[in-house]
């Protein structure tokens, strides 16, 4: 397997990344999931969390007119 550089864009609720790895066809899925899991573990080990934007809507009971 060969792995080449990473470009990452940080959005509000996700990381959009581009990397390039090369693998033989029989190893493709092992490499694909291995890279994904490796990135997740690296972020976890560095204490980096991606939070999701949240909007809380509160409804009051009773007459709304």
PDB file of N, CA and C in Angstrom:
ATOM      1  N   UNK A   1       0.842  -1.180   0.000  1.00  0.00           N
ATOM      2  CA  UNK A   1       0.000   0.000   0.000  1.00  0.00           C
ATOM      3  C   UNK A   1       0.885   1.239   0.000  1.00  0.00           C
ATOM      4  N   UNK A   2       0.427   2.236  -0.696  1.00  0.00           N
ATOM      5  CA  UNK A   2       1.107   3.525  -0.729  1.00  0.00           C
ATOM      6  C   UNK A   2       0.090   4.595  -0.356  1.00  0.00           C
ATOM      7  N   UNK A   3       0.478   5.515   0.508  1.00  0.00           N
ATOM      8  CA  UNK A   3      -0.430   6.589   0.927  1.00  0.00           C
ATOM      9  C   UNK A   3       0.239   7.919   0.668  1.00  0.00           C
ATOM     10  N   UNK A   4      -0.508   8.833   0.104  1.00  0.00           N
ATOM     11  CA  UNK A   4       0.035  10.131  -0.275  1.00  0.00           C
ATOM     12  C   UNK A   4      -0.794  11.233   0.358  1.00  0.00           C
ATOM     13  N   UNK A   5      -0.167  12.240   0.920  1.00  0.00           N
ATOM     14  CA  UNK A   5      -0.711  13.449   1.526  1.00  0.00           C
ATOM     15  C   UNK A   5      -2.195  13.545   1.794  1.00  0.00           C
ATOM     16  N   UNK A   6      -2.567  14.475   2.630  1.00  0.00           N
ATOM     17  CA  UNK A   6      -3.954  14.685   3.012  1.00  0.00           C
ATOM     18  C   UNK A   6      -4.265  16.174   2.954  1.00  0.00           C
ATOM     19  N   UNK A   7      -5.433  16.480   2.444  1.00  0.00           N
ATOM     20  CA  UNK A   7      -5.943  17.848   2.444  1.00  0.00           C
ATOM     21  C   UNK A   7      -7.260  17.810   3.211  1.00  0.00           C
ATOM     22  N   UNK A   8      -7.411  18.667   4.221  1.00  0.00           N
ATOM     23  CA  UNK A   8      -8.594  18.615   5.080  1.00  0.00           C
ATOM     24  C   UNK A   8      -9.246  19.985   5.160  1.00  0.00           C
ATOM     25  N   UNK A   9     -10.585  19.999   5.030  1.00  0.00           N
ATOM     26  CA  UNK A   9     -11.373  21.204   5.224  1.00  0.00           C
ATOM     27  C   UNK A   9     -12.277  20.979   6.433  1.00  0.00           C
ATOM     28  N   UNK A  10     -12.258  21.904   7.373  1.00  0.00           N
ATOM     29  CA  UNK A  10     -13.076  21.792   8.573  1.00  0.00           C
ATOM     30  C   UNK A  10     -14.363  22.571   8.366  1.00  0.00           C
ATOM     31  N   UNK A  11     -15.492  21.865   8.423  1.00  0.00           N
ATOM     32  CA  UNK A  11     -16.799  22.483   8.304  1.00  0.00           C
ATOM     33  C   UNK A  11     -17.454  22.519   9.671  1.00  0.00           C
ATOM     34  N   UNK A  12     -18.702  22.971   9.731  1.00  0.00           N
ATOM     35  CA  UNK A  12     -19.385  23.080  11.018  1.00  0.00           C
ATOM     36  C   UNK A  12     -19.599  21.738  11.693  1.00  0.00           C
ATOM     37  N   UNK A  13     -19.916  20.701  10.921  1.00  0.00           N
ATOM     38  CA  UNK A  13     -20.242  19.431  11.557  1.00  0.00           C
ATOM     39  C   UNK A  13     -19.498  18.240  10.961  1.00  0.00           C
ATOM     40  N   UNK A  14     -18.473  18.484  10.159  1.00  0.00           N
ATOM     41  CA  UNK A  14     -17.727  17.364   9.607  1.00  0.00           C
ATOM     42  C   UNK A  14     -16.368  17.819   9.099  1.00  0.00           C
ATOM     43  N   UNK A  15     -15.499  16.853   8.909  1.00  0.00           N
ATOM     44  CA  UNK A  15     -14.213  17.093   8.255  1.00  0.00           C
ATOM     45  C   UNK A  15     -14.328  16.550   6.844  1.00  0.00           C
ATOM     46  N   UNK A  16     -13.990  17.370   5.880  1.00  0.00           N
ATOM     47  CA  UNK A  16     -13.999  16.937   4.494  1.00  0.00           C
ATOM     48  C   UNK A  16     -12.549  16.772   4.081  1.00  0.00           C
ATOM     49  N   UNK A  17     -12.130  15.532   3.851  1.00  0.00           N
ATOM     50  CA  UNK A  17     -10.724  15.281   3.582  1.00  0.00           C
ATOM     51  C   UNK A  17     -10.494  14.610   2.243  1.00  0.00           C
ATOM     52  N   UNK A  18      -9.327  14.834   1.714  1.00  0.00           N
ATOM     53  CA  UNK A  18      -8.934  14.210   0.471  1.00  0.00           C
ATOM     54  C   UNK A  18      -7.544  13.632   0.652  1.00  0.00           C
ATOM     55  N   UNK A  19      -7.420  12.383   0.430  1.00  0.00           N
ATOM     56  CA  UNK A  19      -6.130  11.708   0.487  1.00  0.00           C
ATOM     57  C   UNK A  19      -6.092  10.692  -0.635  1.00  0.00           C
ATOM     58  N   UNK A  20      -4.950  10.164  -0.900  1.00  0.00           N
ATOM     59  CA  UNK A  20      -4.842   9.183  -1.962  1.00  0.00           C
ATOM     60  C   UNK A  20      -4.035   7.999  -1.460  1.00  0.00           C
ATOM     61  N   UNK A  21      -4.622   6.843  -1.568  1.00  0.00           N
ATOM     62  CA  UNK A  21      -3.904   5.625  -1.208  1.00  0.00           C
ATOM     63  C   UNK A  21      -4.036   4.641  -2.363  1.00  0.00           C
ATOM     64  N   UNK A  22      -3.056   3.806  -2.485  1.00  0.00           N
ATOM     65  CA  UNK A  22      -3.034   2.803  -3.542  1.00  0.00           C
ATOM     66  C   UNK A  22      -2.963   1.432  -2.902  1.00  0.00           C
ATOM     67  N   UNK A  23      -3.775   0.529  -3.407  1.00  0.00           N
ATOM     68  CA  UNK A  23      -3.776  -0.841  -2.898  1.00  0.00           C
ATOM     69  C   UNK A  23      -4.148  -1.783  -4.030  1.00  0.00           C
ATOM     70  N   UNK A  24      -3.794  -3.008  -3.873  1.00  0.00           N
ATOM     71  CA  UNK A  24      -4.208  -4.003  -4.851  1.00  0.00           C
ATOM     72  C   UNK A  24      -5.709  -4.225  -4.700  1.00  0.00           C
ATOM     73  N   UNK A  25      -6.384  -4.663  -5.767  1.00  0.00           N
ATOM     74  CA  UNK A  25      -7.845  -4.851  -5.681  1.00  0.00           C
ATOM     75  C   UNK A  25      -8.291  -5.753  -4.533  1.00  0.00           C
ATOM     76  N   UNK A  26      -7.534  -6.797  -4.236  1.00  0.00           N
ATOM     77  CA  UNK A  26      -7.949  -7.698  -3.155  1.00  0.00           C
ATOM     78  C   UNK A  26      -7.769  -7.082  -1.766  1.00  0.00           C
ATOM     79  N   UNK A  27      -6.988  -6.012  -1.648  1.00  0.00           N
ATOM     80  CA  UNK A  27      -6.781  -5.340  -0.365  1.00  0.00           C
ATOM     81  C   UNK A  27      -7.534  -4.023  -0.246  1.00  0.00           C
ATOM     82  N   UNK A  28      -8.319  -3.674  -1.270  1.00  0.00           N
ATOM     83  CA  UNK A  28      -8.948  -2.354  -1.323  1.00  0.00           C
ATOM     84  C   UNK A  28      -9.757  -2.035  -0.063  1.00  0.00           C
ATOM     85  N   UNK A  29     -10.687  -2.919   0.312  1.00  0.00           N
ATOM     86  CA  UNK A  29     -11.572  -2.620   1.442  1.00  0.00           C
ATOM     87  C   UNK A  29     -10.832  -2.609   2.767  1.00  0.00           C
ATOM     88  N   UNK A  30      -9.827  -3.451   2.911  1.00  0.00           N
ATOM     89  CA  UNK A  30      -9.017  -3.419   4.132  1.00  0.00           C
ATOM     90  C   UNK A  30      -8.302  -2.076   4.255  1.00  0.00           C
ATOM     91  N   UNK A  31      -7.771  -1.575   3.151  1.00  0.00           N
ATOM     92  CA  UNK A  31      -7.094  -0.275   3.154  1.00  0.00           C
ATOM     93  C   UNK A  31      -8.103   0.839   3.400  1.00  0.00           C
ATOM     94  N   UNK A  32      -9.235   0.795   2.727  1.00  0.00           N
ATOM     95  CA  UNK A  32     -10.271   1.827   2.870  1.00  0.00           C
ATOM     96  C   UNK A  32     -10.710   1.975   4.330  1.00  0.00           C
ATOM     97  N   UNK A  33     -11.101   0.870   4.948  1.00  0.00           N
ATOM     98  CA  UNK A  33     -11.556   0.932   6.335  1.00  0.00           C
ATOM     99  C   UNK A  33     -10.408   1.168   7.304  1.00  0.00           C
ATOM    100  N   UNK A  34      -9.220   0.674   6.983  1.00  0.00           N
ATOM    101  CA  UNK A  34      -8.053   0.916   7.836  1.00  0.00           C
ATOM    102  C   UNK A  34      -7.699   2.396   7.905  1.00  0.00           C
ATOM    103  N   UNK A  35      -7.749   3.076   6.774  1.00  0.00           N
ATOM    104  CA  UNK A  35      -7.463   4.517   6.749  1.00  0.00           C
ATOM    105  C   UNK A  35      -8.537   5.281   7.515  1.00  0.00           C
ATOM    106  N   UNK A  36      -9.803   4.913   7.302  1.00  0.00           N
ATOM    107  CA  UNK A  36     -10.910   5.586   8.000  1.00  0.00           C
ATOM    108  C   UNK A  36     -10.786   5.410   9.510  1.00  0.00           C
ATOM    109  N   UNK A  37     -10.541   4.188   9.953  1.00  0.00           N
ATOM    110  CA  UNK A  37     -10.403   3.922  11.386  1.00  0.00           C
ATOM    111  C   UNK A  37      -9.158   4.597  11.957  1.00  0.00           C
ATOM    112  N   UNK A  38      -8.078   4.613  11.180  1.00  0.00           N
ATOM    113  CA  UNK A  38      -6.851   5.272  11.634  1.00  0.00           C
ATOM    114  C   UNK A  38      -7.046   6.770  11.832  1.00  0.00           C
ATOM    115  N   UNK A  39      -7.782   7.401  10.926  1.00  0.00           N
ATOM    116  CA  UNK A  39      -8.068   8.843  11.068  1.00  0.00           C
ATOM    117  C   UNK A  39      -8.914   9.095  12.314  1.00  0.00           C
ATOM    118  N   UNK A  40      -9.930   8.276  12.523  1.00  0.00           N
ATOM    119  CA  UNK A  40     -10.797   8.431  13.700  1.00  0.00           C
ATOM    120  C   UNK A  40      -9.997   8.248  14.989  1.00  0.00           C
ATOM    121  N   UNK A  41      -9.152   7.234  15.041  1.00  0.00           N
ATOM    122  CA  UNK A  41      -8.333   6.997  16.232  1.00  0.00           C
ATOM    123  C   UNK A  41      -7.362   8.145  16.474  1.00  0.00           C
ATOM    124  N   UNK A  42      -6.778   8.687  15.411  1.00  0.00           N
ATOM    125  CA  UNK A  42      -5.840   9.809  15.559  1.00  0.00           C
ATOM    126  C   UNK A  42      -6.553  11.034  16.119  1.00  0.00           C
ATOM    127  N   UNK A  43      -7.759  11.308  15.633  1.00  0.00           N
ATOM    128  CA  UNK A  43      -8.525  12.442  16.158  1.00  0.00           C
ATOM    129  C   UNK A  43      -8.891  12.214  17.623  1.00  0.00           C
ATOM    130  N   UNK A  44      -9.335  11.009  17.953  1.00  0.00           N
ATOM    131  CA  UNK A  44      -9.679  10.686  19.342  1.00  0.00           C
ATOM    132  C   UNK A  44      -8.466  10.825  20.261  1.00  0.00           C
ATOM    133  N   UNK A  45      -7.320  10.306  19.827  1.00  0.00           N
ATOM    134  CA  UNK A  45      -6.108  10.378  20.646  1.00  0.00           C
ATOM    135  C   UNK A  45      -5.630  11.810  20.853  1.00  0.00           C
ATOM    136  N   UNK A  46      -5.927  12.673  19.895  1.00  0.00           N
ATOM    137  CA  UNK A  46      -5.541  14.082  20.007  1.00  0.00           C
ATOM    138  C   UNK A  46      -6.592  14.891  20.762  1.00  0.00           C
ATOM    139  N   UNK A  47      -7.700  14.246  21.156  1.00  0.00           N
ATOM    140  CA  UNK A  47      -8.750  14.940  21.897  1.00  0.00           C
ATOM    141  C   UNK A  47      -9.593  15.857  21.023  1.00  0.00           C
ATOM    142  N   UNK A  48      -9.635  15.574  19.738  1.00  0.00           N
ATOM    143  CA  UNK A  48     -10.399  16.414  18.811  1.00  0.00           C
ATOM    144  C   UNK A  48     -11.771  15.794  18.607  1.00  0.00           C
ATOM    145  N   UNK A  49     -12.811  16.592  18.860  1.00  0.00           N
ATOM    146  CA  UNK A  49     -14.182  16.154  18.649  1.00  0.00           C
ATOM    147  C   UNK A  49     -14.836  17.078  17.642  1.00  0.00           C
ATOM    148  N   UNK A  50     -15.668  16.523  16.800  1.00  0.00           N
ATOM    149  CA  UNK A  50     -16.422  17.317  15.838  1.00  0.00           C
ATOM    150  C   UNK A  50     -17.838  17.427  16.397  1.00  0.00           C
ATOM    151  N   UNK A  51     -18.206  18.613  16.805  1.00  0.00           N
ATOM    152  CA  UNK A  51     -19.537  18.800  17.374  1.00  0.00           C
ATOM    153  C   UNK A  51     -20.525  19.138  16.259  1.00  0.00           C
ATOM    154  N   UNK A  52     -21.754  18.785  16.485  1.00  0.00           N
ATOM    155  CA  UNK A  52     -22.795  19.068  15.514  1.00  0.00           C
ATOM    156  C   UNK A  52     -23.539  20.326  15.939  1.00  0.00           C
ATOM    157  N   UNK A  53     -23.836  21.206  14.975  1.00  0.00           N
ATOM    158  CA  UNK A  53     -24.620  22.389  15.329  1.00  0.00           C
ATOM    159  C   UNK A  53     -25.982  21.942  15.865  1.00  0.00           C
ATOM    160  N   UNK A  54     -26.477  22.658  16.826  1.00  0.00           N
ATOM    161  CA  UNK A  54     -27.717  22.249  17.474  1.00  0.00           C
ATOM    162  C   UNK A  54     -28.608  23.464  17.663  1.00  0.00           C
ATOM    163  N   UNK A  55     -29.874  23.274  17.441  1.00  0.00           N
ATOM    164  CA  UNK A  55     -30.857  24.324  17.701  1.00  0.00           C
ATOM    165  C   UNK A  55     -31.934  23.729  18.596  1.00  0.00           C
ATOM    166  N   UNK A  56     -32.138  24.330  19.754  1.00  0.00           N
ATOM    167  CA  UNK A  56     -33.176  23.881  20.680  1.00  0.00           C
ATOM    168  C   UNK A  56     -34.410  24.748  20.483  1.00  0.00           C
ATOM    169  N   UNK A  57     -35.533  24.092  20.301  1.00  0.00           N
ATOM    170  CA  UNK A  57     -36.806  24.804  20.159  1.00  0.00           C
ATOM    171  C   UNK A  57     -37.674  24.428  21.338  1.00  0.00           C
ATOM    172  N   UNK A  58     -38.112  25.438  22.061  1.00  0.00           N
ATOM    173  CA  UNK A  58     -38.944  25.216  23.247  1.00  0.00           C
ATOM    174  C   UNK A  58     -40.361  25.684  22.956  1.00  0.00           C
ATOM    175  N   UNK A  59     -41.320  24.815  23.203  1.00  0.00           N
ATOM    176  CA  UNK A  59     -42.726  25.131  23.027  1.00  0.00           C
ATOM    177  C   UNK A  59     -43.362  25.343  24.387  1.00  0.00           C
ATOM    178  N   UNK A  60     -44.085  26.412  24.508  1.00  0.00           N
ATOM    179  CA  UNK A  60     -44.828  26.659  25.752  1.00  0.00           C
ATOM    180  C   UNK A  60     -46.230  26.119  25.587  1.00  0.00           C
ATOM    181  N   UNK A  61     -46.700  25.416  26.588  1.00  0.00           N
ATOM    182  CA  UNK A  61     -48.068  24.904  26.508  1.00  0.00           C
ATOM    183  C   UNK A  61     -49.042  26.025  26.831  1.00  0.00           C
ATOM    184  N   UNK A  62     -50.226  25.917  26.299  1.00  0.00           N
ATOM    185  CA  UNK A  62     -51.247  26.939  26.545  1.00  0.00           C
ATOM    186  C   UNK A  62     -51.725  27.562  25.261  1.00  0.00           C
ATOM    187  N   UNK A  63     -52.476  28.599  25.377  1.00  0.00           N
ATOM    188  CA  UNK A  63     -53.071  29.279  24.231  1.00  0.00           C
ATOM    189  C   UNK A  63     -52.001  30.139  23.546  1.00  0.00           C
ATOM    190  N   UNK A  64     -51.823  29.943  22.262  1.00  0.00           N
ATOM    191  CA  UNK A  64     -50.790  30.698  21.523  1.00  0.00           C
ATOM    192  C   UNK A  64     -51.352  31.928  20.842  1.00  0.00           C
ATOM    193  N   UNK A  65     -52.644  32.204  20.935  1.00  0.00           N
ATOM    194  CA  UNK A  65     -53.224  33.376  20.241  1.00  0.00           C
ATOM    195  C   UNK A  65     -53.210  34.612  21.093  1.00  0.00           C
TER     196      UNK A  65
END
